């Protein structure tokens, strides 16, 4: 092959240089994927979740759990993904798992109670909200939720017992 001009030679050199620079980067990226920490998987998963890219988020959050089965937040975000994808069984399972790992977490309990209320499981929702109210008695919004649920389940006497500022 003969090169007609210096411009042809520069073009070919540019391609060779680009290929030379590209392949080591790909190799390093592959090595990095093999050594990525569970926390990095989690952060990337949350980033994808916030972008609405639920499939990539789910994949990375599952990798997080495979590497660290005690990462309650990964289970919580997976539950939110399953909720977005209208998979109530998956949502409930992951919410329960997050709460099992961190039973004192306010947000896990609230989200599970909301899930039950939205699904029409009023008694399960009431039980969770009452549990949260015991742990966080100053949070008035919880009492409003309990009152709404008692009213929806036609337990008016219990709704009156839970009024805010009992006095």
Foldseek 3Di string as FASTA:
>chain_A
DDDDDVVSVVVVVVVVVVVVVPVVVVVVVVVCVVVPALVVLQVVLVVCVVVVNLVSSLVSLVVSCVRPVLPLVSLQSQLVSCVVVVNLVSNLVSLVSSCVSPVPDLVSLQVNLVSCVVVVVLVVSLVSLVVSCVVPVPPVVSLVVNLVSCVVVVVNVVSVVSDPPDD
